[in-house]
């Protein structure tokens, strides 16, 4: 139920193989937590490997 109260939001990106473990951790920490698990298109920034561009792959 929407209360209008401010809440802390944690947005994370994990490998698919880690999603179940993350869900368990969240539910153990806060059984009332609101959790959305979805597939991301891409992740950029520190800690993520960059994939070569299509032009790099084609040698152009």
PDB file of N, CA and C in Angstrom:
ATOM      1  N   UNK A   1       0.845  -1.175   0.000  1.00  0.00           N
ATOM      2  CA  UNK A   1       0.000   0.000   0.000  1.00  0.00           C
ATOM      3  C   UNK A   1       0.891   1.239   0.000  1.00  0.00           C
ATOM      4  N   UNK A   2       0.570   2.178  -0.853  1.00  0.00           N
ATOM      5  CA  UNK A   2       1.327   3.419  -0.932  1.00  0.00           C
ATOM      6  C   UNK A   2       1.018   4.298   0.268  1.00  0.00           C
ATOM      7  N   UNK A   3       2.077   4.743   0.967  1.00  0.00           N
ATOM      8  CA  UNK A   3       1.882   5.566   2.164  1.00  0.00           C
ATOM      9  C   UNK A   3       2.344   7.006   1.970  1.00  0.00           C
ATOM     10  N   UNK A   4       3.160   7.260   0.946  1.00  0.00           N
ATOM     11  CA  UNK A   4       3.702   8.593   0.753  1.00  0.00           C
ATOM     12  C   UNK A   4       4.962   8.845   1.570  1.00  0.00           C
ATOM     13  N   UNK A   5       5.323   7.894   2.427  1.00  0.00           N
ATOM     14  CA  UNK A   5       6.532   8.034   3.243  1.00  0.00           C
ATOM     15  C   UNK A   5       7.781   7.840   2.395  1.00  0.00           C
ATOM     16  N   UNK A   6       8.831   8.578   2.745  1.00  0.00           N
ATOM     17  CA  UNK A   6      10.100   8.394   2.048  1.00  0.00           C
ATOM     18  C   UNK A   6      10.703   7.057   2.444  1.00  0.00           C
ATOM     19  N   UNK A   7      11.346   6.407   1.474  1.00  0.00           N
ATOM     20  CA  UNK A   7      11.977   5.107   1.691  1.00  0.00           C
ATOM     21  C   UNK A   7      13.358   5.096   1.072  1.00  0.00           C
ATOM     22  N   UNK A   8      14.212   4.262   1.608  1.00  0.00           N
ATOM     23  CA  UNK A   8      15.519   4.037   1.010  1.00  0.00           C
ATOM     24  C   UNK A   8      15.343   3.023  -0.114  1.00  0.00           C
ATOM     25  N   UNK A   9      15.961   3.299  -1.262  1.00  0.00           N
ATOM     26  CA  UNK A   9      15.873   2.405  -2.413  1.00  0.00           C
ATOM     27  C   UNK A   9      17.269   1.923  -2.747  1.00  0.00           C
ATOM     28  N   UNK A  10      17.399   0.640  -2.954  1.00  0.00           N
ATOM     29  CA  UNK A  10      18.659   0.033  -3.361  1.00  0.00           C
ATOM     30  C   UNK A  10      18.443  -0.588  -4.725  1.00  0.00           C
ATOM     31  N   UNK A  11      19.204  -0.137  -5.703  1.00  0.00           N
ATOM     32  CA  UNK A  11      19.092  -0.634  -7.073  1.00  0.00           C
ATOM     33  C   UNK A  11      20.393  -1.336  -7.389  1.00  0.00           C
ATOM     34  N   UNK A  12      20.340  -2.612  -7.698  1.00  0.00           N
ATOM     35  CA  UNK A  12      21.554  -3.384  -7.945  1.00  0.00           C
ATOM     36  C   UNK A  12      21.448  -4.145  -9.253  1.00  0.00           C
ATOM     37  N   UNK A  13      22.598  -4.478  -9.785  1.00  0.00           N
ATOM     38  CA  UNK A  13      22.684  -5.304 -10.982  1.00  0.00           C
ATOM     39  C   UNK A  13      23.569  -6.497 -10.655  1.00  0.00           C
ATOM     40  N   UNK A  14      23.032  -7.693 -10.819  1.00  0.00           N
ATOM     41  CA  UNK A  14      23.786  -8.912 -10.540  1.00  0.00           C
ATOM     42  C   UNK A  14      23.626  -9.876 -11.708  1.00  0.00           C
ATOM     43  N   UNK A  15      24.524 -10.823 -11.781  1.00  0.00           N
ATOM     44  CA  UNK A  15      24.422 -11.874 -12.795  1.00  0.00           C
ATOM     45  C   UNK A  15      23.190 -12.727 -12.512  1.00  0.00           C
ATOM     46  N   UNK A  16      22.621 -13.288 -13.552  1.00  0.00           N
ATOM     47  CA  UNK A  16      21.433 -14.131 -13.400  1.00  0.00           C
ATOM     48  C   UNK A  16      21.658 -15.229 -12.367  1.00  0.00           C
ATOM     49  N   UNK A  17      22.868 -15.771 -12.340  1.00  0.00           N
ATOM     50  CA  UNK A  17      23.182 -16.852 -11.399  1.00  0.00           C
ATOM     51  C   UNK A  17      23.157 -16.384  -9.943  1.00  0.00           C
ATOM     52  N   UNK A  18      23.189 -15.077  -9.710  1.00  0.00           N
ATOM     53  CA  UNK A  18      23.187 -14.527  -8.351  1.00  0.00           C
ATOM     54  C   UNK A  18      21.805 -14.050  -7.909  1.00  0.00           C
ATOM     55  N   UNK A  19      20.830 -14.047  -8.797  1.00  0.00           N
ATOM     56  CA  UNK A  19      19.510 -13.479  -8.495  1.00  0.00           C
ATOM     57  C   UNK A  19      18.818 -14.211  -7.353  1.00  0.00           C
ATOM     58  N   UNK A  20      18.875 -15.520  -7.331  1.00  0.00           N
ATOM     59  CA  UNK A  20      18.209 -16.287  -6.270  1.00  0.00           C
ATOM     60  C   UNK A  20      18.844 -15.974  -4.915  1.00  0.00           C
ATOM     61  N   UNK A  21      20.167 -15.932  -4.879  1.00  0.00           N
ATOM     62  CA  UNK A  21      20.866 -15.623  -3.631  1.00  0.00           C
ATOM     63  C   UNK A  21      20.524 -14.212  -3.152  1.00  0.00           C
ATOM     64  N   UNK A  22      20.449 -13.262  -4.067  1.00  0.00           N
ATOM     65  CA  UNK A  22      20.086 -11.887  -3.709  1.00  0.00           C
ATOM     66  C   UNK A  22      18.674 -11.846  -3.124  1.00  0.00           C
ATOM     67  N   UNK A  23      17.743 -12.553  -3.763  1.00  0.00           N
ATOM     68  CA  UNK A  23      16.362 -12.588  -3.265  1.00  0.00           C
ATOM     69  C   UNK A  23      16.320 -13.146  -1.850  1.00  0.00           C
ATOM     70  N   UNK A  24      17.034 -14.231  -1.604  1.00  0.00           N
ATOM     71  CA  UNK A  24      17.053 -14.813  -0.265  1.00  0.00           C
ATOM     72  C   UNK A  24      17.608 -13.826   0.758  1.00  0.00           C
ATOM     73  N   UNK A  25      18.688 -13.150   0.402  1.00  0.00           N
ATOM     74  CA  UNK A  25      19.314 -12.186   1.302  1.00  0.00           C
ATOM     75  C   UNK A  25      18.356 -11.036   1.627  1.00  0.00           C
ATOM     76  N   UNK A  26      17.687 -10.514   0.616  1.00  0.00           N
ATOM     77  CA  UNK A  26      16.749  -9.410   0.832  1.00  0.00           C
ATOM     78  C   UNK A  26      15.609  -9.857   1.731  1.00  0.00           C
ATOM     79  N   UNK A  27      15.032 -11.013   1.472  1.00  0.00           N
ATOM     80  CA  UNK A  27      13.898 -11.491   2.257  1.00  0.00           C
ATOM     81  C   UNK A  27      14.292 -11.818   3.703  1.00  0.00           C
ATOM     82  N   UNK A  28      15.523 -12.301   3.902  1.00  0.00           N
ATOM     83  CA  UNK A  28      16.002 -12.551   5.265  1.00  0.00           C
ATOM     84  C   UNK A  28      16.223 -11.235   6.016  1.00  0.00           C
ATOM     85  N   UNK A  29      16.707 -10.219   5.294  1.00  0.00           N
ATOM     86  CA  UNK A  29      17.000  -8.927   5.896  1.00  0.00           C
ATOM     87  C   UNK A  29      15.728  -8.141   6.185  1.00  0.00           C
ATOM     88  N   UNK A  30      14.790  -8.143   5.227  1.00  0.00           N
ATOM     89  CA  UNK A  30      13.542  -7.391   5.375  1.00  0.00           C
ATOM     90  C   UNK A  30      12.417  -8.171   4.703  1.00  0.00           C
ATOM     91  N   UNK A  31      11.708  -9.009   5.469  1.00  0.00           N
ATOM     92  CA  UNK A  31      10.635  -9.823   4.889  1.00  0.00           C
ATOM     93  C   UNK A  31       9.531  -9.005   4.219  1.00  0.00           C
ATOM     94  N   UNK A  32       9.415  -7.735   4.549  1.00  0.00           N
ATOM     95  CA  UNK A  32       8.396  -6.885   3.943  1.00  0.00           C
ATOM     96  C   UNK A  32       8.905  -6.078   2.767  1.00  0.00           C
ATOM     97  N   UNK A  33      10.128  -6.360   2.310  1.00  0.00           N
ATOM     98  CA  UNK A  33      10.729  -5.578   1.223  1.00  0.00           C
ATOM     99  C   UNK A  33       9.975  -5.765  -0.086  1.00  0.00           C
ATOM    100  N   UNK A  34       9.970  -4.731  -0.886  1.00  0.00           N
ATOM    101  CA  UNK A  34       9.416  -4.765  -2.240  1.00  0.00           C
ATOM    102  C   UNK A  34      10.583  -5.054  -3.161  1.00  0.00           C
ATOM    103  N   UNK A  35      10.514  -6.129  -3.921  1.00  0.00           N
ATOM    104  CA  UNK A  35      11.640  -6.590  -4.733  1.00  0.00           C
ATOM    105  C   UNK A  35      11.163  -6.842  -6.152  1.00  0.00           C
ATOM    106  N   UNK A  36      11.851  -6.251  -7.118  1.00  0.00           N
ATOM    107  CA  UNK A  36      11.559  -6.482  -8.527  1.00  0.00           C
ATOM    108  C   UNK A  36      12.805  -7.082  -9.157  1.00  0.00           C
ATOM    109  N   UNK A  37      12.644  -8.199  -9.841  1.00  0.00           N
ATOM    110  CA  UNK A  37      13.765  -8.821 -10.539  1.00  0.00           C
ATOM    111  C   UNK A  37      13.431  -8.812 -12.022  1.00  0.00           C
ATOM    112  N   UNK A  38      14.312  -8.229 -12.808  1.00  0.00           N
ATOM    113  CA  UNK A  38      14.084  -8.149 -14.249  1.00  0.00           C
ATOM    114  C   UNK A  38      15.385  -8.272 -15.000  1.00  0.00           C
ATOM    115  N   UNK A  39      15.268  -8.435 -16.278  1.00  0.00           N
ATOM    116  CA  UNK A  39      16.437  -8.571 -17.136  1.00  0.00           C
ATOM    117  C   UNK A  39      16.867  -7.192 -17.635  1.00  0.00           C
ATOM    118  N   UNK A  40      18.143  -6.901 -17.467  1.00  0.00           N
ATOM    119  CA  UNK A  40      18.673  -5.620 -17.934  1.00  0.00           C
ATOM    120  C   UNK A  40      19.209  -5.739 -19.349  1.00  0.00           C
ATOM    121  N   UNK A  41      19.155  -4.662 -20.059  1.00  0.00           N
ATOM    122  CA  UNK A  41      19.665  -4.632 -21.429  1.00  0.00           C
ATOM    123  C   UNK A  41      21.181  -4.482 -21.447  1.00  0.00           C
ATOM    124  N   UNK A  42      21.707  -3.612 -20.579  1.00  0.00           N
ATOM    125  CA  UNK A  42      23.143  -3.368 -20.535  1.00  0.00           C
ATOM    126  C   UNK A  42      23.497  -2.740 -19.200  1.00  0.00           C
ATOM    127  N   UNK A  43      24.749  -2.899 -18.812  1.00  0.00           N
ATOM    128  CA  UNK A  43      25.249  -2.272 -17.589  1.00  0.00           C
ATOM    129  C   UNK A  43      26.566  -1.585 -17.926  1.00  0.00           C
ATOM    130  N   UNK A  44      26.703  -0.340 -17.513  1.00  0.00           N
ATOM    131  CA  UNK A  44      27.893   0.439 -17.798  1.00  0.00           C
ATOM    132  C   UNK A  44      28.465   0.983 -16.511  1.00  0.00           C
ATOM    133  N   UNK A  45      29.749   1.152 -16.463  1.00  0.00           N
ATOM    134  CA  UNK A  45      30.378   1.754 -15.298  1.00  0.00           C
ATOM    135  C   UNK A  45      31.436   0.859 -14.701  1.00  0.00           C
ATOM    136  N   UNK A  46      31.987   1.328 -13.600  1.00  0.00           N
ATOM    137  CA  UNK A  46      33.072   0.610 -12.943  1.00  0.00           C
ATOM    138  C   UNK A  46      32.611  -0.787 -12.526  1.00  0.00           C
ATOM    139  N   UNK A  47      33.434  -1.766 -12.790  1.00  0.00           N
ATOM    140  CA  UNK A  47      33.126  -3.135 -12.406  1.00  0.00           C
ATOM    141  C   UNK A  47      32.490  -3.962 -13.502  1.00  0.00           C
ATOM    142  N   UNK A  48      32.147  -3.338 -14.608  1.00  0.00           N
ATOM    143  CA  UNK A  48      31.556  -4.059 -15.727  1.00  0.00           C
ATOM    144  C   UNK A  48      32.516  -4.024 -16.908  1.00  0.00           C
ATOM    145  N   UNK A  49      32.663  -5.154 -17.563  1.00  0.00           N
ATOM    146  CA  UNK A  49      33.543  -5.218 -18.721  1.00  0.00           C
ATOM    147  C   UNK A  49      32.844  -4.620 -19.934  1.00  0.00           C
ATOM    148  N   UNK A  50      33.603  -3.867 -20.712  1.00  0.00           N
ATOM    149  CA  UNK A  50      33.048  -3.323 -21.935  1.00  0.00           C
ATOM    150  C   UNK A  50      33.173  -4.361 -23.044  1.00  0.00           C
ATOM    151  N   UNK A  51      32.108  -4.512 -23.796  1.00  0.00           N
ATOM    152  CA  UNK A  51      32.152  -5.404 -24.943  1.00  0.00           C
ATOM    153  C   UNK A  51      32.634  -4.609 -26.150  1.00  0.00           C
ATOM    154  N   UNK A  52      33.394  -5.245 -27.022  1.00  0.00           N
ATOM    155  CA  UNK A  52      33.836  -4.520 -28.219  1.00  0.00           C
ATOM    156  C   UNK A  52      32.632  -4.100 -29.061  1.00  0.00           C
ATOM    157  N   UNK A  53      32.746  -2.953 -29.683  1.00  0.00           N
ATOM    158  CA  UNK A  53      31.649  -2.476 -30.519  1.00  0.00           C
ATOM    159  C   UNK A  53      31.547  -3.355 -31.760  1.00  0.00           C
ATOM    160  N   UNK A  54      30.427  -3.261 -32.443  1.00  0.00           N
ATOM    161  CA  UNK A  54      30.220  -4.031 -33.664  1.00  0.00           C
ATOM    162  C   UNK A  54      31.277  -3.680 -34.702  1.00  0.00           C
ATOM    163  N   UNK A  55      31.637  -2.391 -34.788  1.00  0.00           N
ATOM    164  CA  UNK A  55      32.667  -1.987 -35.747  1.00  0.00           C
ATOM    165  C   UNK A  55      34.015  -2.609 -35.399  1.00  0.00           C
ATOM    166  N   UNK A  56      34.352  -2.674 -34.114  1.00  0.00           N
ATOM    167  CA  UNK A  56      35.592  -3.324 -33.688  1.00  0.00           C
ATOM    168  C   UNK A  56      35.566  -4.805 -34.040  1.00  0.00           C
ATOM    169  N   UNK A  57      34.435  -5.442 -33.865  1.00  0.00           N
ATOM    170  CA  UNK A  57      34.312  -6.861 -34.158  1.00  0.00           C
ATOM    171  C   UNK A  57      34.476  -7.133 -35.652  1.00  0.00           C
ATOM    172  N   UNK A  58      34.031  -6.181 -36.473  1.00  0.00           N
ATOM    173  CA  UNK A  58      34.138  -6.347 -37.930  1.00  0.00           C
ATOM    174  C   UNK A  58      35.495  -5.893 -38.455  1.00  0.00           C
ATOM    175  N   UNK A  59      36.335  -5.364 -37.571  1.00  0.00           N
ATOM    176  CA  UNK A  59      37.664  -4.928 -37.976  1.00  0.00           C
ATOM    177  C   UNK A  59      37.687  -3.619 -38.725  1.00  0.00           C
ATOM    178  N   UNK A  60      36.740  -2.746 -38.481  1.00  0.00           N
ATOM    179  CA  UNK A  60      36.678  -1.457 -39.185  1.00  0.00           C
ATOM    180  C   UNK A  60      37.096  -0.345 -38.273  1.00  0.00           C
TER     181      UNK A  60
END
